[in-house]
């Protein structure tokens, strides 16, 4: 520091003129760049605070989700107690007034229901215009918030916050307004209740049988539930700050598939629901997955969340059930085929097989197999095929009958075809069926009589 005159005049350390013409000169070593950086940081801090306050104001005036409505209002009785709930119709008539509302305003349920809300609390918190403007899908569980002055039954003035929804009927007409009502805004109580509710939500999430997690915009874990950590046999803290590849709990190909879906959510800003099959090497695992964008209080996209249900055991059970069902159906079909193509022993060496219904390739093969097995096992010399119950004769039926007859002849048995109606005979003729060596008769009775004639039995024996 040097005392003396300067071109700018005599100045003190604070920049004011120095008495007696003396001046204080300071060697200026100020780091202006550092000051600028500090000022810029302070400006950013103030802008962030301003945006946060704007967000609070917007939440007061606009929509909030069900989760935000649960976390934000300072319920009077504590996190585990039901808040003050009031419902009223468009004309202001109260339709619901619970005990917590009675404690808040001093009116009992019996005194409040049926009266106008403004007579009870000296306020009409939601205007007709706001009611009409609130028109959202009820499944979204949106709320709007507003603040109003009011009075209790004793005339005490209170400030109330109304977190409300407008309930509509199936035609879309307003049925009633439903609101959660809170008094004042004690910061200490708010902090205490937020902690209580955080604990409640964490218990709910930790006891879910599904995997739940949240990652930041870079794909790093910032939250996960106990079920996820238990499923992988790791401590929760081992996940935090690591992305899917760094954590190494999944094969690279699986990690790539997981990350690709999360990037889609981040790019689109929309929820995704899908079923996926992931190959973990030893076997495939099945999952039903919900991934959704995570936003901050200003609506900015900050990460991605996931809820994942493993369906591997369910899929295996379904596959086993389907296989068992197929086995049952096959057994039933086999039983039906046996019932529909019975092989009836009529006498020593004589078999009869009545064929009923429609014949397809599978059934034709079953008929031939049943007949040939019976001829062989019972040493039959005559097999009667009765087609009285066959609905229609086409090329398939004609071919099946001739093939069966030829196969029976190769085993030394003769075939008697009965039940030949005129239209069946005409169809066989038009189809060019080769019935040489096959005895054809009109009825089953005539076929049986023919097979049991002594002369026929002797002829076969010779």
Protein backbone atom coordinates (compact mmCIF):
# COMPACT_ATOMS: atom_id res chain seq x y z
CA UNK A 1 0.00 0.00 0.00
CA UNK A 2 1.40 3.43 -1.02
CA UNK A 3 -0.01 6.86 -0.04
CA UNK A 4 0.01 9.63 -2.69
CA UNK A 5 -1.93 11.41 -5.44
CA UNK A 6 -3.60 9.61 -8.29
CA UNK A 7 -5.03 10.77 -11.57
CA UNK A 8 -8.49 9.98 -10.39
CA UNK A 9 -8.10 12.12 -7.25
CA UNK A 10 -7.56 11.40 -3.61
CA UNK A 11 -9.52 8.37 -2.46
CA UNK A 12 -9.90 6.33 0.69
CA UNK A 13 -9.97 2.56 0.77
CA UNK A 14 -13.73 2.65 0.33
CA UNK A 15 -13.42 4.86 -2.76
CA UNK A 16 -14.44 8.15 -1.09
CA UNK A 17 -12.21 11.26 -1.30
CA UNK A 18 -9.42 11.14 1.25
CA UNK A 19 -9.21 14.09 3.69
CA UNK A 20 -6.38 16.53 3.43
CA UNK A 21 -5.62 15.66 -0.14
CA UNK A 22 -4.12 12.39 0.88
CA UNK A 23 -5.04 9.28 -1.04
CA UNK A 24 -4.68 5.58 -0.38
CA UNK A 25 -3.43 3.66 -3.36
CA UNK A 26 -3.92 -0.12 -3.43
CA UNK A 27 -2.16 -2.45 -5.75
CA UNK A 28 -5.18 -4.01 -7.57
CA UNK A 29 -4.66 -7.78 -7.84
CA UNK A 30 -8.39 -8.61 -8.10
CA UNK A 31 -9.15 -11.80 -10.04
CA UNK A 32 -11.98 -10.52 -12.22
CA UNK A 33 -12.44 -13.90 -13.94
CA UNK A 34 -13.03 -15.58 -10.60
CA UNK A 35 -15.52 -12.86 -9.66
CA UNK A 36 -17.35 -13.36 -12.94
CA UNK A 37 -17.52 -17.07 -12.40
CA UNK A 38 -18.86 -16.54 -8.90
CA UNK A 39 -21.45 -14.06 -10.18
CA UNK A 40 -22.55 -16.42 -12.91
CA UNK A 41 -22.89 -19.23 -10.37
CA UNK A 42 -24.97 -16.96 -8.15
CA UNK A 43 -27.18 -15.98 -11.08
CA UNK A 44 -27.72 -19.65 -11.93
CA UNK A 45 -28.54 -20.35 -8.29
CA UNK A 46 -31.08 -17.54 -8.24
CA UNK A 47 -32.60 -18.66 -11.53
CA UNK A 48 -32.94 -22.19 -10.18
CA UNK A 49 -34.59 -20.89 -7.03
CA UNK A 50 -36.92 -18.74 -9.12
CA UNK A 51 -37.87 -21.70 -11.31
CA UNK A 52 -38.47 -23.77 -8.20
CA UNK A 53 -40.74 -21.11 -6.76
CA UNK A 54 -42.55 -20.85 -10.08
CA UNK A 55 -43.00 -24.61 -9.97
CA UNK A 56 -44.52 -24.36 -6.51
CA UNK A 57 -46.90 -21.67 -7.71
CA UNK A 58 -47.84 -23.76 -10.74
CA UNK A 59 -48.52 -26.72 -8.49
CA UNK A 60 -50.74 -24.52 -6.36
CA UNK A 61 -52.70 -23.44 -9.42
CA UNK A 62 -52.41 -26.38 -11.75
CA UNK A 63 -52.49 -30.17 -11.89
CA UNK A 64 -50.54 -32.62 -9.75
CA UNK A 65 -50.41 -36.40 -9.88
CA UNK A 66 -51.86 -38.67 -7.25
CA UNK A 67 -48.37 -39.36 -5.86
CA UNK A 68 -47.56 -35.64 -5.67
CA UNK A 69 -50.88 -34.94 -3.98
CA UNK A 70 -50.08 -37.61 -1.43
CA UNK A 71 -46.57 -36.37 -0.74
CA UNK A 72 -47.23 -32.62 -0.75
CA UNK A 73 -50.19 -31.66 1.49
CA UNK A 74 -49.39 -31.47 5.24
CA UNK A 75 -52.21 -33.69 6.51
CA UNK A 76 -53.19 -32.50 9.99
CA UNK A 77 -53.29 -35.83 11.81
CA UNK A 78 -50.10 -37.38 10.47
CA UNK A 79 -49.17 -39.69 7.61
CA UNK A 80 -51.09 -42.67 9.00
CA UNK A 81 -54.34 -40.80 9.52
CA UNK A 82 -57.02 -40.16 6.93
CA UNK A 83 -57.01 -36.48 5.86
CA UNK A 84 -60.02 -34.18 5.85
CA UNK A 85 -62.23 -35.25 2.93
CA UNK A 86 -65.14 -33.18 1.65
CA UNK A 87 -67.35 -33.83 -1.40
CA UNK A 88 -69.95 -31.41 -2.72
CA UNK A 89 -72.20 -31.00 -5.72
CA UNK A 90 -72.15 -28.18 -8.26
CA UNK A 91 -74.77 -26.29 -6.27
CA UNK A 92 -72.50 -26.44 -3.22
CA UNK A 93 -74.45 -29.11 -1.30
CA UNK A 94 -72.09 -31.24 0.80
CA UNK A 95 -72.39 -35.00 0.15
CA UNK A 96 -69.43 -36.25 2.21
CA UNK A 97 -67.83 -34.91 5.35
CA UNK A 98 -65.53 -37.21 7.30
CA UNK A 99 -64.34 -37.03 10.91
CA UNK A 100 -61.09 -35.26 9.97
CA UNK A 101 -63.13 -32.50 8.29
CA UNK A 102 -65.17 -32.27 11.47
CA UNK A 103 -62.03 -31.78 13.54
CA UNK A 104 -60.75 -29.13 11.13
CA UNK A 105 -63.90 -27.02 10.85
CA UNK A 106 -65.85 -27.98 13.98
CA UNK A 107 -68.98 -29.32 12.23
CA UNK A 108 -70.03 -32.96 12.62
CA UNK A 109 -70.93 -35.12 9.63
CA UNK A 110 -74.62 -35.01 10.51
CA UNK A 111 -74.53 -31.23 10.68
CA UNK A 112 -72.54 -30.76 7.46
CA UNK A 113 -74.01 -33.19 4.92
CA UNK A 114 -76.87 -31.61 3.01
CA UNK A 115 -75.82 -28.02 3.74
CA UNK A 116 -74.00 -25.63 1.43
CA UNK A 117 -70.21 -25.68 1.71
CA UNK A 118 -70.00 -21.87 1.82
CA UNK A 119 -72.29 -21.83 4.88
CA UNK A 120 -69.95 -24.19 6.72
CA UNK A 121 -66.49 -22.82 5.83
CA UNK A 122 -67.30 -19.35 4.47
CA UNK A 123 -65.64 -20.20 1.15
CA UNK A 124 -66.40 -21.43 -2.35
CA UNK A 125 -62.90 -22.77 -3.10
CA UNK A 126 -63.50 -24.05 -6.64
CA UNK A 127 -65.20 -21.79 -9.19
CA UNK A 128 -67.62 -23.11 -11.85
CA UNK A 129 -65.02 -22.24 -14.50
CA UNK A 130 -62.36 -24.31 -12.72
CA UNK A 131 -64.80 -27.20 -12.40
CA UNK A 132 -65.52 -27.20 -16.14
CA UNK A 133 -61.81 -26.86 -16.97
CA UNK A 134 -61.00 -29.97 -14.92
CA UNK A 135 -61.85 -32.64 -17.49
CA UNK A 136 -59.38 -35.53 -17.34
CA UNK A 137 -59.46 -39.29 -17.59
CA UNK A 138 -60.26 -40.47 -14.04
CA UNK A 139 -57.77 -43.33 -14.44
CA UNK A 140 -54.97 -40.71 -14.51
CA UNK A 141 -55.88 -39.65 -10.92
CA UNK A 142 -55.01 -35.99 -11.46
CA UNK A 143 -55.66 -33.35 -8.82
CA UNK A 144 -55.74 -29.57 -8.91
CA UNK A 145 -54.87 -27.36 -5.96
CA UNK A 146 -56.12 -24.01 -4.75
CA UNK A 147 -55.88 -21.99 -1.54
CA UNK A 148 -58.65 -20.01 0.14
CA UNK A 149 -59.43 -18.24 3.39
CA UNK A 150 -62.15 -19.72 5.56
CA UNK A 151 -63.58 -19.87 9.06
CA UNK A 152 -64.33 -22.60 11.56
CA UNK A 153 -67.64 -23.14 13.32
CA UNK A 154 -66.39 -20.94 16.17
CA UNK A 155 -65.57 -18.15 13.69
CA UNK A 156 -61.80 -18.59 13.74
CA UNK A 157 -60.10 -17.61 10.48
CA UNK A 158 -57.99 -20.29 8.81
CA UNK A 159 -56.15 -20.63 5.52
CA UNK A 160 -57.01 -23.86 3.71
CA UNK A 161 -55.46 -25.62 0.79
CA UNK A 162 -57.88 -27.69 -1.31
CA UNK A 163 -56.43 -30.54 -3.36
CA UNK A 164 -59.41 -31.51 -5.47
CA UNK A 165 -60.66 -33.64 -8.35
CA UNK A 166 -63.88 -33.37 -10.34
CA UNK A 167 -65.81 -36.64 -10.52
CA UNK A 168 -67.98 -37.24 -13.58
CA UNK A 169 -70.63 -39.81 -14.48
CA UNK A 170 -70.56 -42.17 -17.47
CA UNK A 171 -71.94 -39.40 -19.73
CA UNK A 172 -69.18 -37.02 -18.70
CA UNK A 173 -71.45 -34.75 -16.65
CA UNK A 174 -70.11 -33.40 -13.35
CA UNK A 175 -71.25 -35.56 -10.45
CA UNK A 176 -69.41 -33.85 -7.59
CA UNK A 177 -66.18 -32.20 -6.49
CA UNK A 178 -64.00 -34.20 -4.08
CA UNK A 179 -61.25 -32.52 -2.07
CA UNK A 180 -58.53 -33.15 0.49
CA UNK A 181 -58.40 -30.12 2.81
CA UNK A 182 -55.35 -28.99 4.83
CA UNK A 183 -54.84 -26.09 7.18
CA UNK A 184 -51.80 -23.82 7.12
CA UNK A 185 -48.28 -24.69 6.15
CA UNK A 186 -46.08 -25.45 9.15
CA UNK A 187 -42.61 -26.24 7.69
CA UNK A 188 -41.60 -28.50 10.59
CA UNK A 189 -44.78 -30.51 10.33
CA UNK A 190 -44.34 -30.74 6.57
CA UNK A 191 -40.82 -32.15 6.94
CA UNK A 192 -41.96 -34.64 9.57
CA UNK A 193 -44.86 -35.86 7.45
CA UNK A 194 -42.72 -36.09 4.34
CA UNK A 195 -40.30 -38.33 6.23
CA UNK A 196 -43.18 -40.46 7.49
CA UNK A 197 -44.61 -40.82 4.01
CA UNK A 198 -41.22 -41.60 2.53
CA UNK A 199 -40.92 -44.44 5.02
CA UNK A 200 -44.39 -45.70 4.12
CA UNK A 201 -43.65 -45.61 0.40
CA UNK A 202 -40.29 -47.32 0.86
CA UNK A 203 -41.96 -50.13 2.81
CA UNK A 204 -44.55 -50.47 0.06
CA UNK A 205 -41.86 -50.57 -2.66
CA UNK A 206 -39.49 -52.85 -0.74
CA UNK A 207 -42.21 -55.43 -0.14
CA UNK A 208 -43.31 -55.54 -3.75
CA UNK A 209 -42.70 -58.89 -5.50
CA UNK A 210 -41.59 -56.94 -8.61
CA UNK A 211 -38.25 -55.38 -9.49
CA UNK A 212 -38.37 -51.58 -9.19
CA UNK A 213 -35.60 -49.12 -10.04
CA UNK A 214 -34.80 -45.61 -11.23
CA UNK A 215 -31.79 -44.61 -13.35
CA UNK A 216 -30.49 -41.18 -14.25
CA UNK A 217 -30.24 -39.88 -17.81
CA UNK A 218 -26.85 -41.59 -18.17
CA UNK A 219 -28.34 -44.97 -17.26
CA UNK A 220 -26.82 -45.15 -13.76
CA UNK A 221 -28.80 -46.62 -10.88
CA UNK A 222 -29.99 -44.05 -8.33
CA UNK A 223 -32.70 -46.14 -6.63
CA UNK A 224 -33.84 -49.77 -6.49
CA UNK A 225 -36.00 -51.82 -4.18
CA UNK A 226 -35.03 -54.66 -1.88
CA UNK A 227 -36.57 -57.34 -4.10
CA UNK A 228 -34.19 -56.45 -6.95
CA UNK A 229 -31.13 -56.62 -4.71
CA UNK A 230 -32.28 -59.93 -3.19
CA UNK A 231 -32.93 -61.45 -6.61
CA UNK A 232 -29.27 -60.87 -7.53
CA UNK A 233 -27.86 -61.57 -4.07
CA UNK A 234 -26.26 -58.13 -3.84
CA UNK A 235 -26.44 -55.20 -1.44
CA UNK A 236 -28.40 -52.20 -2.69
CA UNK A 237 -25.37 -49.93 -2.41
CA UNK A 238 -23.49 -52.03 -4.96
CA UNK A 239 -25.89 -50.84 -7.67
CA UNK A 240 -25.76 -47.11 -7.03
CA UNK A 241 -23.84 -45.02 -9.53
CA UNK A 242 -23.29 -47.91 -11.95
CA UNK A 243 -24.92 -48.50 -15.30
CA UNK A 244 -26.11 -51.85 -16.60
CA UNK A 245 -22.77 -52.82 -18.11
CA UNK A 246 -20.64 -51.61 -15.19
CA UNK A 247 -22.69 -53.52 -12.65
CA UNK A 248 -22.20 -56.73 -14.61
CA UNK A 249 -25.22 -58.59 -13.25
CA UNK A 250 -26.45 -59.43 -16.75
CA UNK A 251 -24.70 -60.83 -19.84
CA UNK A 252 -23.59 -58.16 -22.34
CA UNK A 253 -26.33 -59.03 -24.85
CA UNK A 254 -29.01 -58.77 -22.19
CA UNK A 255 -27.56 -55.49 -20.91
CA UNK A 256 -27.61 -54.10 -24.46
CA UNK A 257 -31.31 -55.00 -24.84
CA UNK A 258 -32.20 -53.41 -21.50
CA UNK A 259 -30.31 -50.20 -22.26
CA UNK A 260 -31.81 -49.95 -25.76
CA UNK A 261 -35.35 -49.89 -24.34
CA UNK A 262 -34.42 -47.30 -21.74
CA UNK A 263 -32.94 -45.06 -24.42
CA UNK A 264 -36.22 -45.33 -26.34
CA UNK A 265 -38.08 -44.08 -23.26
CA UNK A 266 -35.63 -41.21 -22.80
CA UNK A 267 -35.86 -40.28 -26.49
CA UNK A 268 -39.66 -40.40 -26.69
CA UNK A 269 -40.51 -39.24 -23.17
CA UNK A 270 -43.31 -41.83 -23.10
CA UNK A 271 -44.03 -44.91 -21.05
CA UNK A 272 -43.45 -48.33 -22.60
CA UNK A 273 -45.10 -51.63 -21.65
CA UNK A 274 -43.86 -54.83 -23.24
CA UNK A 275 -43.11 -58.50 -22.78
CA UNK A 276 -39.54 -59.61 -23.32
CA UNK A 277 -37.50 -62.79 -23.37
CA UNK A 278 -33.89 -62.42 -22.22
CA UNK A 279 -31.25 -65.08 -22.81
CA UNK A 280 -29.12 -65.54 -19.70
CA UNK A 281 -27.10 -68.38 -21.24
CA UNK A 282 -28.37 -71.32 -19.20
CA UNK A 283 -32.00 -70.59 -20.12
CA UNK A 284 -34.44 -67.95 -21.31
CA UNK A 285 -36.21 -65.75 -18.78
CA UNK A 286 -39.57 -64.10 -19.43
CA UNK A 287 -40.54 -60.65 -18.13
CA UNK A 288 -43.39 -58.17 -18.31
CA UNK A 289 -41.79 -54.74 -18.14
CA UNK A 290 -43.01 -51.18 -17.63
CA UNK A 291 -40.48 -48.40 -18.22
CA UNK A 292 -41.38 -44.75 -17.83
CA UNK A 293 -39.77 -41.30 -17.95
CA UNK A 294 -38.81 -39.70 -14.62
CA UNK A 295 -39.21 -35.93 -14.43
CA UNK A 296 -38.29 -33.25 -11.91
CA UNK A 297 -40.63 -30.64 -10.42
CA UNK A 298 -40.26 -28.49 -13.55
CA UNK A 299 -41.27 -31.35 -15.83
CA UNK A 300 -37.76 -31.86 -17.20
CA UNK A 301 -36.76 -35.40 -18.14
CA UNK A 302 -34.12 -36.57 -15.68
CA UNK A 303 -34.09 -40.35 -15.95
CA UNK A 304 -36.01 -43.55 -16.49
CA UNK A 305 -37.82 -45.82 -14.07
CA UNK A 306 -38.78 -49.47 -14.35
CA UNK A 307 -41.16 -52.00 -12.84
CA UNK A 308 -40.38 -55.55 -13.96
CA UNK A 309 -42.37 -58.71 -13.24
CA UNK A 310 -40.70 -62.03 -13.95
CA UNK A 311 -43.08 -64.46 -15.67
CA UNK A 312 -40.65 -67.34 -16.25
CA UNK A 313 -42.36 -69.78 -13.87
CA UNK A 314 -45.76 -68.72 -15.18
CA UNK A 315 -44.68 -69.26 -18.79
CA UNK A 316 -43.24 -72.67 -17.95
CA UNK A 317 -46.42 -73.64 -16.13
CA UNK A 318 -48.45 -72.47 -19.12
CA UNK A 319 -46.24 -74.49 -21.50
CA UNK A 320 -46.56 -77.59 -19.30
CA UNK A 321 -50.30 -77.07 -19.07
CA UNK A 322 -50.55 -76.67 -22.85
CA UNK A 323 -48.49 -79.84 -23.39
CA UNK A 324 -50.65 -81.74 -20.90
CA UNK A 325 -53.76 -80.43 -22.60
CA UNK A 326 -52.45 -81.64 -25.96
CA UNK A 327 -51.79 -85.06 -24.45
CA UNK A 328 -55.32 -85.15 -23.02
CA UNK A 329 -56.79 -84.09 -26.36
CA UNK A 330 -54.74 -86.73 -28.16
CA UNK A 331 -55.89 -89.39 -25.68
CA UNK A 332 -59.48 -88.26 -26.09
CA UNK A 333 -59.18 -88.36 -29.86
CA UNK A 334 -57.68 -91.83 -29.63
CA UNK A 335 -60.55 -92.99 -27.43
CA UNK A 336 -63.07 -91.41 -29.79
CA UNK A 337 -61.45 -93.08 -32.78
CA UNK A 338 -61.59 -96.43 -31.01
CA UNK A 339 -65.19 -95.85 -30.08
CA UNK A 340 -66.07 -94.67 -33.57
CA UNK A 341 -64.31 -97.63 -35.23
CA UNK A 342 -64.98 -100.58 -32.91
CA UNK A 343 -63.84 -104.04 -33.94
CA UNK A 344 -66.54 -106.56 -32.99
CA UNK A 345 -65.85 -110.34 -32.94
CA UNK A 346 -68.99 -112.06 -34.31
CA UNK A 347 -67.84 -115.65 -34.38
CA UNK A 348 -64.69 -117.67 -34.55
CA UNK A 349 -62.65 -116.03 -37.31
CA UNK A 350 -65.29 -113.40 -38.18
CA UNK A 351 -64.89 -109.68 -37.32
CA UNK A 352 -67.15 -106.71 -38.01
CA UNK A 353 -66.17 -103.04 -38.05
CA UNK A 354 -69.00 -100.49 -38.37
CA UNK A 355 -67.68 -97.14 -39.65
CA UNK A 356 -69.67 -94.06 -38.62
CA UNK A 357 -69.25 -90.37 -39.39
CA UNK A 358 -66.71 -88.50 -41.50
CA UNK A 359 -63.43 -90.07 -42.54
CA UNK A 360 -60.16 -88.17 -42.92
CA UNK A 361 -56.61 -89.34 -43.56
CA UNK A 362 -55.79 -89.89 -39.88
CA UNK A 363 -58.96 -91.84 -39.24
CA UNK A 364 -58.49 -93.95 -42.38
CA UNK A 365 -55.06 -94.96 -41.11
CA UNK A 366 -56.52 -95.76 -37.68
CA UNK A 367 -59.24 -97.96 -39.27
CA UNK A 368 -56.67 -99.93 -41.26
CA UNK A 369 -54.38 -100.36 -38.23
CA UNK A 370 -57.24 -101.50 -35.98
CA UNK A 371 -58.60 -103.94 -38.55
CA UNK A 372 -55.23 -105.49 -39.45
CA UNK A 373 -54.27 -105.85 -35.78
CA UNK A 374 -57.57 -107.58 -35.08
CA UNK A 375 -57.24 -109.93 -38.05
CA UNK A 376 -53.74 -110.91 -36.98
CA UNK A 377 -54.46 -111.33 -33.26
CA UNK A 378 -57.72 -113.24 -33.73
CA UNK A 379 -56.70 -115.18 -36.85
CA UNK A 380 -59.83 -113.95 -38.61
CA UNK A 381 -60.73 -115.28 -42.03
CA UNK A 382 -63.52 -112.75 -42.70
CA UNK A 383 -63.70 -108.99 -41.98
CA UNK A 384 -66.95 -107.11 -42.47
CA UNK A 385 -66.66 -103.35 -43.08
CA UNK A 386 -70.04 -101.70 -42.67
CA UNK A 387 -70.25 -98.21 -44.20
CA UNK A 388 -73.93 -97.61 -43.45
CA UNK A 389 -73.02 -94.69 -41.16
CA UNK A 390 -70.50 -93.02 -43.48
CA UNK A 391 -71.90 -89.59 -44.33
CA UNK A 392 -70.36 -89.20 -47.76
CA UNK A 393 -68.06 -91.15 -50.03
CA UNK A 394 -65.34 -89.23 -51.83
CA UNK A 395 -62.01 -90.16 -53.37
CA UNK A 396 -60.34 -90.32 -49.93
CA UNK A 397 -62.97 -92.72 -48.56
CA UNK A 398 -62.92 -94.90 -51.67
CA UNK A 399 -59.14 -95.10 -51.63
CA UNK A 400 -59.09 -95.89 -47.89
CA UNK A 401 -61.63 -98.71 -48.30
CA UNK A 402 -59.79 -100.35 -51.19
CA UNK A 403 -56.41 -100.08 -49.46
CA UNK A 404 -57.84 -101.60 -46.28
CA UNK A 405 -59.39 -104.47 -48.24
CA UNK A 406 -56.13 -105.18 -50.10
CA UNK A 407 -54.17 -105.14 -46.84
CA UNK A 408 -56.64 -107.56 -45.22
CA UNK A 409 -56.36 -109.89 -48.21
CA UNK A 410 -52.59 -109.93 -47.80
CA UNK A 411 -53.15 -111.34 -44.30
CA UNK A 412 -55.33 -114.10 -45.75
CA UNK A 413 -58.71 -112.62 -44.84
CA UNK A 414 -61.51 -111.79 -47.20
CA UNK A 415 -63.36 -108.46 -46.91
CA UNK A 416 -67.12 -108.07 -47.01
CA UNK A 417 -68.27 -104.49 -47.61
CA UNK A 418 -71.81 -103.85 -46.38
CA UNK A 419 -74.15 -100.88 -46.17
CA UNK A 420 -73.72 -99.95 -49.82
CA UNK A 421 -76.54 -97.52 -50.56
CA UNK A 422 -77.39 -96.63 -54.18
CA UNK A 423 -75.69 -93.23 -53.94
CA UNK A 424 -72.60 -94.84 -52.40
CA UNK A 425 -72.44 -97.43 -55.20
CA UNK A 426 -72.75 -94.67 -57.79
CA UNK A 427 -70.01 -92.61 -56.10
CA UNK A 428 -67.65 -95.62 -55.96
CA UNK A 429 -68.31 -96.33 -59.61
CA UNK A 430 -67.74 -92.71 -60.67
CA UNK A 431 -64.52 -92.58 -58.66
CA UNK A 432 -63.26 -95.74 -60.36
CA UNK A 433 -62.75 -97.63 -57.10
CA UNK A 434 -61.23 -101.09 -57.67
CA UNK A 435 -63.49 -103.44 -55.66
CA UNK A 436 -62.31 -106.65 -57.32
CA UNK A 437 -62.07 -109.43 -54.76
CA UNK A 438 -64.30 -107.54 -52.32
CA UNK A 439 -67.76 -108.91 -51.60
CA UNK A 440 -70.34 -106.09 -51.46
CA UNK A 441 -73.73 -106.50 -49.82
CA UNK A 442 -76.54 -104.11 -49.01
CA UNK A 443 -76.88 -104.55 -45.25
CA UNK A 444 -74.81 -105.60 -42.28
CA UNK A 445 -77.25 -108.43 -41.54
CA UNK A 446 -76.73 -109.92 -44.98
CA UNK A 447 -72.98 -109.60 -44.55
CA UNK A 448 -73.07 -111.45 -41.21
CA UNK A 449 -75.28 -114.15 -42.68
CA UNK A 450 -72.91 -114.54 -45.61
CA UNK A 451 -69.87 -114.81 -43.35
CA UNK A 452 -71.48 -117.42 -41.08
CA UNK A 453 -72.68 -119.78 -43.82
CA UNK A 454 -71.12 -123.23 -43.36
CA UNK A 455 -70.19 -123.50 -46.98
CA UNK A 456 -68.34 -120.20 -46.82
CA UNK A 457 -66.40 -121.25 -43.72
CA UNK A 458 -65.42 -124.58 -45.33
CA UNK A 459 -64.37 -122.80 -48.54
CA UNK A 460 -62.11 -120.46 -46.59
CA UNK A 461 -60.65 -123.35 -44.59
CA UNK A 462 -59.79 -125.23 -47.80
